[in-house]
N, C-alpha and C. Protein backbone atom coordinates (compact mmCIF):
# COMPACT_ATOMS: atom_id res chain seq x y z
N MET A 1 -88.13 -18.99 -25.12
CA MET A 1 -87.42 -18.30 -24.08
C MET A 1 -86.59 -17.19 -24.73
N VAL A 2 -86.65 -16.02 -24.18
CA VAL A 2 -85.93 -14.87 -24.70
C VAL A 2 -84.85 -14.47 -23.70
N PHE A 3 -83.64 -14.30 -24.20
CA PHE A 3 -82.54 -13.86 -23.35
C PHE A 3 -82.24 -12.40 -23.65
N SER A 4 -82.12 -11.64 -22.65
CA SER A 4 -81.71 -10.25 -22.87
C SER A 4 -80.20 -10.16 -22.72
N LYS A 5 -79.62 -9.15 -23.33
CA LYS A 5 -78.18 -8.97 -23.22
C LYS A 5 -77.83 -8.59 -21.80
N LEU A 6 -76.83 -9.29 -21.28
CA LEU A 6 -76.37 -8.99 -19.94
C LEU A 6 -75.15 -8.09 -20.05
N ASN A 7 -75.07 -7.12 -19.22
CA ASN A 7 -73.91 -6.25 -19.20
C ASN A 7 -72.97 -6.71 -18.10
N PHE A 8 -71.89 -7.28 -18.49
CA PHE A 8 -70.87 -7.66 -17.52
C PHE A 8 -69.51 -7.60 -18.21
N THR A 9 -68.50 -7.50 -17.41
CA THR A 9 -67.14 -7.42 -17.93
C THR A 9 -66.46 -8.76 -17.74
N VAL A 10 -65.87 -9.24 -18.79
CA VAL A 10 -65.12 -10.50 -18.73
C VAL A 10 -63.68 -10.15 -18.43
N LYS A 11 -63.17 -10.74 -17.39
CA LYS A 11 -61.77 -10.53 -17.03
C LYS A 11 -60.92 -11.52 -17.82
N LYS A 12 -59.95 -11.02 -18.53
CA LYS A 12 -59.07 -11.88 -19.30
C LYS A 12 -57.76 -12.05 -18.54
N ILE A 13 -57.32 -13.27 -18.51
CA ILE A 13 -56.03 -13.59 -17.90
C ILE A 13 -55.10 -13.99 -19.03
N ILE A 14 -54.00 -13.31 -19.15
CA ILE A 14 -53.04 -13.63 -20.21
C ILE A 14 -51.87 -14.38 -19.59
N LEU A 15 -51.63 -15.56 -20.11
CA LEU A 15 -50.53 -16.38 -19.64
C LEU A 15 -49.42 -16.35 -20.69
N SER A 16 -48.20 -16.31 -20.24
CA SER A 16 -47.09 -16.38 -21.18
C SER A 16 -46.06 -17.36 -20.65
N SER A 17 -45.31 -17.95 -21.55
CA SER A 17 -44.31 -18.93 -21.19
C SER A 17 -42.98 -18.57 -21.83
N GLU A 18 -41.92 -18.86 -21.12
CA GLU A 18 -40.59 -18.66 -21.66
C GLU A 18 -39.95 -20.01 -21.87
N ILE A 19 -39.63 -20.29 -23.12
CA ILE A 19 -38.98 -21.54 -23.51
C ILE A 19 -37.79 -21.17 -24.37
N GLU A 20 -36.65 -21.75 -24.06
CA GLU A 20 -35.44 -21.47 -24.83
C GLU A 20 -35.33 -22.46 -25.98
N GLU A 21 -34.88 -21.99 -27.14
CA GLU A 21 -34.60 -22.87 -28.27
C GLU A 21 -33.10 -22.81 -28.53
N LEU A 22 -32.46 -23.96 -28.50
CA LEU A 22 -31.01 -24.05 -28.61
C LEU A 22 -30.61 -24.97 -29.75
N SER A 23 -29.45 -24.73 -30.31
CA SER A 23 -28.88 -25.66 -31.26
C SER A 23 -28.14 -26.73 -30.45
N PRO A 24 -27.88 -27.89 -31.03
CA PRO A 24 -27.17 -28.94 -30.28
C PRO A 24 -25.82 -28.46 -29.73
N GLU A 25 -25.16 -27.58 -30.45
CA GLU A 25 -23.85 -27.09 -30.02
C GLU A 25 -23.93 -26.21 -28.78
N GLU A 26 -25.09 -25.68 -28.50
CA GLU A 26 -25.26 -24.80 -27.34
C GLU A 26 -25.55 -25.56 -26.05
N LEU A 27 -25.72 -26.87 -26.14
CA LEU A 27 -25.99 -27.67 -24.95
C LEU A 27 -24.69 -27.99 -24.23
N ASP A 28 -24.79 -28.12 -22.91
CA ASP A 28 -23.61 -28.56 -22.17
C ASP A 28 -23.50 -30.09 -22.26
N HIS A 29 -22.43 -30.63 -21.72
CA HIS A 29 -22.16 -32.06 -21.82
C HIS A 29 -23.28 -32.91 -21.19
N VAL A 30 -23.78 -32.48 -20.05
CA VAL A 30 -24.85 -33.22 -19.37
C VAL A 30 -26.11 -33.26 -20.23
N GLU A 31 -26.48 -32.12 -20.79
CA GLU A 31 -27.67 -32.05 -21.64
C GLU A 31 -27.51 -32.92 -22.88
N GLN A 32 -26.34 -32.89 -23.50
CA GLN A 32 -26.08 -33.73 -24.67
C GLN A 32 -26.16 -35.21 -24.31
N THR A 33 -25.62 -35.56 -23.16
CA THR A 33 -25.66 -36.96 -22.71
C THR A 33 -27.09 -37.42 -22.49
N LEU A 34 -27.90 -36.60 -21.84
CA LEU A 34 -29.30 -36.98 -21.60
C LEU A 34 -30.06 -37.18 -22.91
N LEU A 35 -29.87 -36.27 -23.85
CA LEU A 35 -30.56 -36.41 -25.15
C LEU A 35 -30.09 -37.66 -25.87
N SER A 36 -28.80 -37.94 -25.82
CA SER A 36 -28.26 -39.14 -26.47
C SER A 36 -28.84 -40.41 -25.85
N ARG A 37 -28.94 -40.43 -24.52
CA ARG A 37 -29.52 -41.59 -23.83
C ARG A 37 -30.99 -41.76 -24.20
N ALA A 38 -31.72 -40.65 -24.30
CA ALA A 38 -33.13 -40.71 -24.69
C ALA A 38 -33.27 -41.22 -26.12
N GLN A 39 -32.39 -40.78 -27.02
CA GLN A 39 -32.44 -41.24 -28.40
C GLN A 39 -32.15 -42.74 -28.49
N SER A 40 -31.17 -43.21 -27.73
CA SER A 40 -30.82 -44.64 -27.76
C SER A 40 -31.96 -45.51 -27.27
N VAL A 41 -32.59 -45.11 -26.17
CA VAL A 41 -33.65 -45.94 -25.60
C VAL A 41 -34.94 -45.86 -26.42
N ALA A 42 -35.15 -44.76 -27.15
CA ALA A 42 -36.35 -44.65 -27.97
C ALA A 42 -36.43 -45.78 -28.99
N LYS A 43 -35.28 -46.22 -29.45
CA LYS A 43 -35.23 -47.31 -30.44
C LYS A 43 -35.73 -48.63 -29.85
N MET A 44 -35.83 -48.70 -28.54
CA MET A 44 -36.27 -49.92 -27.87
C MET A 44 -37.73 -49.83 -27.43
N ALA A 45 -38.42 -48.80 -27.88
CA ALA A 45 -39.83 -48.64 -27.52
C ALA A 45 -40.64 -49.83 -28.03
N TYR A 46 -41.64 -50.19 -27.28
CA TYR A 46 -42.60 -51.20 -27.73
C TYR A 46 -43.82 -50.41 -28.18
N SER A 47 -43.91 -50.18 -29.49
CA SER A 47 -44.99 -49.32 -30.02
C SER A 47 -45.61 -49.92 -31.28
N PRO A 48 -46.12 -51.16 -31.20
CA PRO A 48 -46.66 -51.81 -32.39
C PRO A 48 -47.97 -51.20 -32.90
N TYR A 49 -48.63 -50.39 -32.10
CA TYR A 49 -49.93 -49.84 -32.49
C TYR A 49 -49.81 -48.45 -33.09
N SER A 50 -48.93 -47.64 -32.54
CA SER A 50 -48.76 -46.27 -33.05
C SER A 50 -47.51 -46.12 -33.91
N ASP A 51 -46.56 -47.04 -33.77
CA ASP A 51 -45.25 -46.92 -34.42
C ASP A 51 -44.56 -45.61 -34.05
N PHE A 52 -44.90 -45.06 -32.90
CA PHE A 52 -44.31 -43.81 -32.43
C PHE A 52 -43.40 -44.15 -31.26
N GLN A 53 -42.10 -43.99 -31.47
CA GLN A 53 -41.10 -44.35 -30.47
C GLN A 53 -40.70 -43.12 -29.66
N VAL A 54 -40.89 -43.20 -28.36
CA VAL A 54 -40.54 -42.09 -27.48
C VAL A 54 -39.49 -42.57 -26.50
N GLY A 55 -38.49 -41.73 -26.27
CA GLY A 55 -37.47 -42.01 -25.28
C GLY A 55 -37.35 -40.87 -24.31
N ALA A 56 -37.05 -41.20 -23.07
CA ALA A 56 -36.87 -40.18 -22.04
C ALA A 56 -35.69 -40.59 -21.16
N ALA A 57 -34.91 -39.61 -20.76
CA ALA A 57 -33.80 -39.84 -19.83
C ALA A 57 -33.88 -38.80 -18.73
N VAL A 58 -33.66 -39.24 -17.50
CA VAL A 58 -33.74 -38.33 -16.36
C VAL A 58 -32.42 -38.33 -15.60
N LEU A 59 -32.03 -37.14 -15.19
CA LEU A 59 -30.87 -36.95 -14.32
C LEU A 59 -31.38 -36.64 -12.93
N LEU A 60 -30.92 -37.41 -11.95
CA LEU A 60 -31.28 -37.15 -10.56
C LEU A 60 -30.20 -36.29 -9.91
N GLU A 61 -30.57 -35.64 -8.82
CA GLU A 61 -29.61 -34.76 -8.16
C GLU A 61 -28.41 -35.51 -7.59
N ASN A 62 -28.52 -36.83 -7.41
CA ASN A 62 -27.39 -37.61 -6.94
C ASN A 62 -26.45 -38.03 -8.08
N GLY A 63 -26.75 -37.59 -9.32
CA GLY A 63 -25.90 -37.88 -10.47
C GLY A 63 -26.31 -39.10 -11.27
N GLU A 64 -27.25 -39.88 -10.75
CA GLU A 64 -27.72 -41.07 -11.48
C GLU A 64 -28.52 -40.63 -12.71
N VAL A 65 -28.39 -41.39 -13.79
CA VAL A 65 -29.15 -41.15 -15.01
C VAL A 65 -29.88 -42.44 -15.38
N PHE A 66 -31.15 -42.32 -15.67
CA PHE A 66 -31.96 -43.46 -16.09
C PHE A 66 -32.71 -43.08 -17.35
N GLN A 67 -33.06 -44.09 -18.13
CA GLN A 67 -33.83 -43.82 -19.34
C GLN A 67 -34.93 -44.88 -19.49
N SER A 68 -35.92 -44.53 -20.29
CA SER A 68 -37.01 -45.44 -20.56
C SER A 68 -37.65 -45.07 -21.89
N SER A 69 -38.39 -46.01 -22.44
CA SER A 69 -39.13 -45.78 -23.68
C SER A 69 -40.60 -46.08 -23.43
N ASN A 70 -41.44 -45.62 -24.35
CA ASN A 70 -42.86 -45.90 -24.20
C ASN A 70 -43.12 -47.39 -24.41
N GLN A 71 -44.14 -47.90 -23.73
CA GLN A 71 -44.51 -49.30 -23.79
C GLN A 71 -46.02 -49.38 -23.99
N GLU A 72 -46.42 -49.73 -25.21
CA GLU A 72 -47.84 -49.74 -25.55
C GLU A 72 -48.50 -51.06 -25.17
N ASN A 73 -49.82 -51.04 -25.19
CA ASN A 73 -50.63 -52.20 -24.86
C ASN A 73 -51.87 -52.14 -25.75
N VAL A 74 -52.27 -53.29 -26.27
CA VAL A 74 -53.44 -53.32 -27.13
C VAL A 74 -54.69 -52.83 -26.40
N SER A 75 -54.69 -52.95 -25.09
CA SER A 75 -55.80 -52.46 -24.28
C SER A 75 -55.56 -50.99 -23.95
N PHE A 76 -55.68 -50.16 -25.00
CA PHE A 76 -55.44 -48.73 -24.82
C PHE A 76 -56.42 -48.19 -23.79
N PRO A 77 -56.04 -47.40 -22.84
CA PRO A 77 -54.78 -46.68 -22.65
C PRO A 77 -53.86 -47.33 -21.62
N ALA A 78 -53.79 -48.64 -21.58
CA ALA A 78 -52.99 -49.32 -20.57
C ALA A 78 -51.48 -49.17 -20.79
N GLY A 79 -51.05 -48.67 -21.93
CA GLY A 79 -49.63 -48.45 -22.17
C GLY A 79 -49.11 -47.33 -21.30
N SER A 80 -47.79 -47.18 -21.30
CA SER A 80 -47.17 -46.15 -20.48
C SER A 80 -46.22 -45.29 -21.29
N CYS A 81 -46.24 -44.02 -21.01
CA CYS A 81 -45.35 -43.06 -21.66
C CYS A 81 -43.94 -43.19 -21.09
N ALA A 82 -42.96 -42.88 -21.90
CA ALA A 82 -41.56 -42.95 -21.48
C ALA A 82 -41.29 -42.06 -20.27
N GLU A 83 -41.85 -40.86 -20.29
CA GLU A 83 -41.60 -39.91 -19.20
C GLU A 83 -42.11 -40.44 -17.87
N ARG A 84 -43.32 -40.97 -17.88
CA ARG A 84 -43.90 -41.48 -16.63
C ARG A 84 -43.16 -42.72 -16.14
N LEU A 85 -42.74 -43.57 -17.08
CA LEU A 85 -42.00 -44.76 -16.67
C LEU A 85 -40.68 -44.39 -15.99
N VAL A 86 -39.92 -43.50 -16.60
CA VAL A 86 -38.61 -43.17 -16.04
C VAL A 86 -38.74 -42.40 -14.73
N LEU A 87 -39.71 -41.50 -14.64
CA LEU A 87 -39.91 -40.77 -13.38
C LEU A 87 -40.43 -41.70 -12.28
N GLY A 88 -41.29 -42.64 -12.64
CA GLY A 88 -41.80 -43.61 -11.67
C GLY A 88 -40.69 -44.50 -11.15
N TYR A 89 -39.83 -44.97 -12.05
CA TYR A 89 -38.70 -45.81 -11.63
C TYR A 89 -37.78 -45.04 -10.69
N ALA A 90 -37.45 -43.81 -11.08
CA ALA A 90 -36.56 -42.99 -10.26
C ALA A 90 -37.18 -42.74 -8.88
N GLY A 91 -38.46 -42.41 -8.85
CA GLY A 91 -39.12 -42.13 -7.58
C GLY A 91 -39.21 -43.35 -6.68
N ALA A 92 -39.42 -44.52 -7.26
CA ALA A 92 -39.54 -45.74 -6.47
C ALA A 92 -38.19 -46.23 -5.95
N ASN A 93 -37.15 -46.07 -6.76
CA ASN A 93 -35.85 -46.61 -6.40
C ASN A 93 -34.90 -45.61 -5.76
N TYR A 94 -35.16 -44.34 -5.97
CA TYR A 94 -34.34 -43.27 -5.39
C TYR A 94 -35.27 -42.20 -4.81
N PRO A 95 -36.05 -42.57 -3.79
CA PRO A 95 -37.08 -41.67 -3.29
C PRO A 95 -36.56 -40.39 -2.64
N ASN A 96 -35.27 -40.32 -2.37
CA ASN A 96 -34.71 -39.13 -1.73
C ASN A 96 -33.86 -38.30 -2.67
N SER A 97 -33.90 -38.62 -3.96
CA SER A 97 -33.09 -37.89 -4.93
C SER A 97 -34.00 -37.27 -6.00
N ALA A 98 -34.04 -35.96 -6.02
CA ALA A 98 -34.94 -35.23 -6.92
C ALA A 98 -34.48 -35.33 -8.37
N PRO A 99 -35.44 -35.46 -9.30
CA PRO A 99 -35.08 -35.33 -10.71
C PRO A 99 -34.78 -33.85 -11.00
N VAL A 100 -33.68 -33.60 -11.71
CA VAL A 100 -33.33 -32.21 -12.00
C VAL A 100 -33.45 -31.89 -13.48
N MET A 101 -33.35 -32.92 -14.34
CA MET A 101 -33.44 -32.67 -15.77
C MET A 101 -34.04 -33.91 -16.45
N LEU A 102 -34.88 -33.66 -17.44
CA LEU A 102 -35.56 -34.73 -18.18
C LEU A 102 -35.47 -34.42 -19.66
N ALA A 103 -34.91 -35.35 -20.44
CA ALA A 103 -34.82 -35.19 -21.90
C ALA A 103 -35.84 -36.09 -22.56
N ILE A 104 -36.51 -35.56 -23.61
CA ILE A 104 -37.57 -36.29 -24.30
C ILE A 104 -37.35 -36.20 -25.81
N VAL A 105 -37.43 -37.36 -26.48
CA VAL A 105 -37.31 -37.43 -27.94
C VAL A 105 -38.38 -38.36 -28.48
N ALA A 106 -38.68 -38.24 -29.77
CA ALA A 106 -39.66 -39.14 -30.39
C ALA A 106 -39.46 -39.19 -31.89
N LYS A 107 -39.87 -40.32 -32.47
CA LYS A 107 -39.84 -40.47 -33.93
C LYS A 107 -40.78 -41.59 -34.33
N ARG A 108 -41.20 -41.54 -35.56
CA ARG A 108 -41.96 -42.66 -36.13
C ARG A 108 -40.97 -43.77 -36.45
N ALA A 109 -41.36 -45.00 -36.23
CA ALA A 109 -40.45 -46.13 -36.41
C ALA A 109 -39.84 -46.17 -37.81
N ALA A 110 -40.61 -45.81 -38.83
CA ALA A 110 -40.13 -45.89 -40.21
C ALA A 110 -39.31 -44.67 -40.63
N ASP A 111 -39.31 -43.62 -39.82
CA ASP A 111 -38.61 -42.39 -40.18
C ASP A 111 -37.19 -42.39 -39.65
N GLU A 112 -36.31 -41.74 -40.38
CA GLU A 112 -34.94 -41.57 -39.90
C GLU A 112 -34.83 -40.34 -39.01
N ASN A 113 -35.64 -39.33 -39.29
CA ASN A 113 -35.56 -38.07 -38.55
C ASN A 113 -36.43 -38.10 -37.31
N TRP A 114 -36.02 -37.32 -36.33
CA TRP A 114 -36.79 -37.18 -35.11
C TRP A 114 -38.00 -36.29 -35.36
N ALA A 115 -39.04 -36.48 -34.58
CA ALA A 115 -40.30 -35.75 -34.75
C ALA A 115 -40.47 -34.72 -33.64
N ASP A 116 -41.35 -33.77 -33.87
CA ASP A 116 -41.72 -32.85 -32.80
C ASP A 116 -42.56 -33.61 -31.79
N VAL A 117 -42.31 -33.38 -30.54
CA VAL A 117 -43.04 -34.05 -29.47
C VAL A 117 -43.12 -33.12 -28.28
N SER A 118 -44.09 -33.35 -27.47
CA SER A 118 -44.26 -32.62 -26.22
C SER A 118 -44.91 -33.58 -25.24
N PRO A 119 -44.58 -33.49 -23.97
CA PRO A 119 -45.21 -34.42 -23.02
C PRO A 119 -46.73 -34.28 -23.04
N CYS A 120 -47.41 -35.41 -22.91
CA CYS A 120 -48.87 -35.37 -22.84
C CYS A 120 -49.29 -34.75 -21.51
N GLY A 121 -50.55 -34.51 -21.35
CA GLY A 121 -51.06 -33.88 -20.13
C GLY A 121 -50.76 -34.68 -18.87
N ILE A 122 -50.91 -36.00 -18.94
CA ILE A 122 -50.64 -36.82 -17.76
C ILE A 122 -49.15 -36.76 -17.41
N CYS A 123 -48.29 -36.77 -18.42
CA CYS A 123 -46.85 -36.67 -18.16
C CYS A 123 -46.50 -35.30 -17.60
N ARG A 124 -47.14 -34.26 -18.09
CA ARG A 124 -46.89 -32.91 -17.55
C ARG A 124 -47.27 -32.86 -16.08
N GLN A 125 -48.40 -33.45 -15.75
CA GLN A 125 -48.82 -33.46 -14.35
C GLN A 125 -47.88 -34.33 -13.51
N THR A 126 -47.33 -35.40 -14.10
CA THR A 126 -46.36 -36.25 -13.39
C THR A 126 -45.08 -35.47 -13.10
N ILE A 127 -44.61 -34.69 -14.07
CA ILE A 127 -43.43 -33.85 -13.86
C ILE A 127 -43.74 -32.83 -12.76
N ASN A 128 -44.93 -32.26 -12.81
CA ASN A 128 -45.35 -31.32 -11.78
C ASN A 128 -45.32 -31.98 -10.40
N GLU A 129 -45.78 -33.20 -10.32
CA GLU A 129 -45.81 -33.89 -9.03
C GLU A 129 -44.39 -34.11 -8.50
N ALA A 130 -43.44 -34.42 -9.40
CA ALA A 130 -42.05 -34.57 -8.98
C ALA A 130 -41.51 -33.25 -8.44
N GLU A 131 -41.86 -32.15 -9.11
CA GLU A 131 -41.43 -30.83 -8.62
C GLU A 131 -42.04 -30.55 -7.24
N LYS A 132 -43.30 -30.85 -7.10
CA LYS A 132 -43.99 -30.62 -5.83
C LYS A 132 -43.40 -31.50 -4.73
N ARG A 133 -43.14 -32.75 -5.05
CA ARG A 133 -42.61 -33.71 -4.08
C ARG A 133 -41.28 -33.24 -3.49
N PHE A 134 -40.39 -32.72 -4.36
CA PHE A 134 -39.06 -32.36 -3.91
C PHE A 134 -38.86 -30.86 -3.72
N GLY A 135 -39.84 -30.06 -4.12
CA GLY A 135 -39.70 -28.62 -3.99
C GLY A 135 -38.64 -28.03 -4.89
N LYS A 136 -38.40 -28.70 -6.03
CA LYS A 136 -37.37 -28.26 -6.97
C LYS A 136 -37.89 -28.36 -8.39
N SER A 137 -37.49 -27.42 -9.23
CA SER A 137 -37.89 -27.44 -10.64
C SER A 137 -37.16 -28.53 -11.40
N VAL A 138 -37.83 -29.06 -12.41
CA VAL A 138 -37.23 -30.02 -13.33
C VAL A 138 -37.07 -29.30 -14.67
N THR A 139 -35.85 -29.26 -15.18
CA THR A 139 -35.62 -28.71 -16.51
C THR A 139 -35.96 -29.79 -17.53
N VAL A 140 -36.76 -29.44 -18.53
CA VAL A 140 -37.19 -30.39 -19.56
C VAL A 140 -36.52 -30.00 -20.88
N LEU A 141 -35.87 -30.97 -21.51
CA LEU A 141 -35.27 -30.79 -22.83
C LEU A 141 -36.11 -31.57 -23.83
N ILE A 142 -36.50 -30.92 -24.91
CA ILE A 142 -37.32 -31.56 -25.94
C ILE A 142 -36.63 -31.41 -27.28
N LEU A 143 -36.28 -32.53 -27.90
CA LEU A 143 -35.68 -32.51 -29.23
C LEU A 143 -36.77 -32.24 -30.26
N THR A 144 -36.53 -31.28 -31.17
CA THR A 144 -37.52 -30.95 -32.19
C THR A 144 -37.15 -31.59 -33.53
N ALA A 145 -38.07 -31.55 -34.46
CA ALA A 145 -37.85 -32.12 -35.79
C ALA A 145 -36.74 -31.40 -36.55
N THR A 146 -36.49 -30.15 -36.21
CA THR A 146 -35.43 -29.39 -36.88
C THR A 146 -34.05 -29.73 -36.33
N GLY A 147 -34.00 -30.47 -35.24
CA GLY A 147 -32.73 -30.80 -34.60
C GLY A 147 -32.37 -29.86 -33.47
N ASN A 148 -33.16 -28.79 -33.32
CA ASN A 148 -32.94 -27.90 -32.20
C ASN A 148 -33.57 -28.48 -30.94
N ILE A 149 -33.23 -27.90 -29.83
CA ILE A 149 -33.71 -28.41 -28.55
C ILE A 149 -34.45 -27.28 -27.82
N LEU A 150 -35.63 -27.61 -27.31
CA LEU A 150 -36.35 -26.68 -26.46
C LEU A 150 -35.95 -26.97 -25.02
N ARG A 151 -35.56 -25.94 -24.31
CA ARG A 151 -35.21 -26.08 -22.89
C ARG A 151 -36.28 -25.34 -22.09
N VAL A 152 -36.96 -26.08 -21.24
CA VAL A 152 -38.03 -25.53 -20.43
C VAL A 152 -37.61 -25.65 -18.97
N ARG A 153 -37.48 -24.54 -18.31
CA ARG A 153 -37.02 -24.53 -16.92
C ARG A 153 -38.22 -24.61 -15.98
N GLY A 154 -38.53 -25.82 -15.54
CA GLY A 154 -39.69 -26.05 -14.70
C GLY A 154 -40.92 -26.35 -15.55
N ILE A 155 -41.88 -27.00 -14.98
CA ILE A 155 -43.05 -27.45 -15.74
C ILE A 155 -44.06 -26.32 -16.00
N SER A 156 -44.02 -25.25 -15.26
CA SER A 156 -45.03 -24.19 -15.41
C SER A 156 -45.21 -23.67 -16.84
N PRO A 157 -44.13 -23.48 -17.63
CA PRO A 157 -44.36 -23.02 -19.01
C PRO A 157 -45.16 -24.02 -19.86
N LEU A 158 -45.06 -25.30 -19.54
CA LEU A 158 -45.82 -26.31 -20.28
C LEU A 158 -47.16 -26.63 -19.63
N LEU A 159 -47.32 -26.24 -18.39
CA LEU A 159 -48.54 -26.56 -17.64
C LEU A 159 -48.86 -25.37 -16.72
N PRO A 160 -49.31 -24.26 -17.31
CA PRO A 160 -49.48 -23.04 -16.52
C PRO A 160 -50.58 -23.09 -15.48
N LEU A 161 -51.59 -23.88 -15.68
CA LEU A 161 -52.66 -24.01 -14.69
C LEU A 161 -52.68 -25.45 -14.20
N LYS A 162 -51.72 -25.75 -13.34
CA LYS A 162 -51.57 -27.11 -12.83
C LYS A 162 -52.73 -27.46 -11.91
N PHE A 163 -53.04 -28.73 -11.81
CA PHE A 163 -54.12 -29.21 -10.96
C PHE A 163 -53.95 -28.70 -9.54
N ASN A 164 -52.73 -28.79 -9.00
CA ASN A 164 -52.51 -28.40 -7.61
C ASN A 164 -52.50 -26.89 -7.41
N ASP A 165 -52.47 -26.10 -8.46
CA ASP A 165 -52.56 -24.65 -8.30
C ASP A 165 -53.91 -24.25 -7.67
N PHE A 166 -54.91 -25.04 -7.88
CA PHE A 166 -56.26 -24.72 -7.41
C PHE A 166 -56.70 -25.54 -6.20
N PHE A 167 -56.08 -26.70 -6.01
CA PHE A 167 -56.61 -27.62 -5.01
C PHE A 167 -55.68 -27.93 -3.86
N THR A 168 -54.51 -27.31 -3.81
CA THR A 168 -53.61 -27.54 -2.68
C THR A 168 -52.98 -26.20 -2.30
N ASN A 169 -52.25 -26.23 -1.24
CA ASN A 169 -51.58 -25.02 -0.77
C ASN A 169 -50.22 -24.80 -1.41
N SER A 170 -49.80 -25.63 -2.36
CA SER A 170 -48.46 -25.47 -2.93
C SER A 170 -48.50 -24.81 -4.27
């Protein structure tokens, strides 16, 4: 079979994201508290298979703060990410209060220093669903290995082509 060259123009779409990088001193009291709560709960992660401890803390618009850690299961992928656990708990128990900020941290169990981490794809879509549900952006704070914090205002910079961008009216 012989293919001839086709003349067509490929349209390129360029996506860009704005993410702030802050030192710990540049965070306000609420942001510092959320990161501290995420760090504390990460130590309670059940991660015997990966030894990767993840903590997440969420602030709801009613002022409530909850935290959770990842919980692994030998029957992979039956474990749950910290982000999905805390957002699920908040949604089930406070269905009328939107999450406004989510802090995420991670480290290897044997390490003293925190590691670079970013929400997995399922967690990104879960954050997106919370935004869609309440019609409000969720600010995401991510602690980096350098000790700086990435502040992401809304999930779009981390998930520019969300599932619902193509399949729903929102």
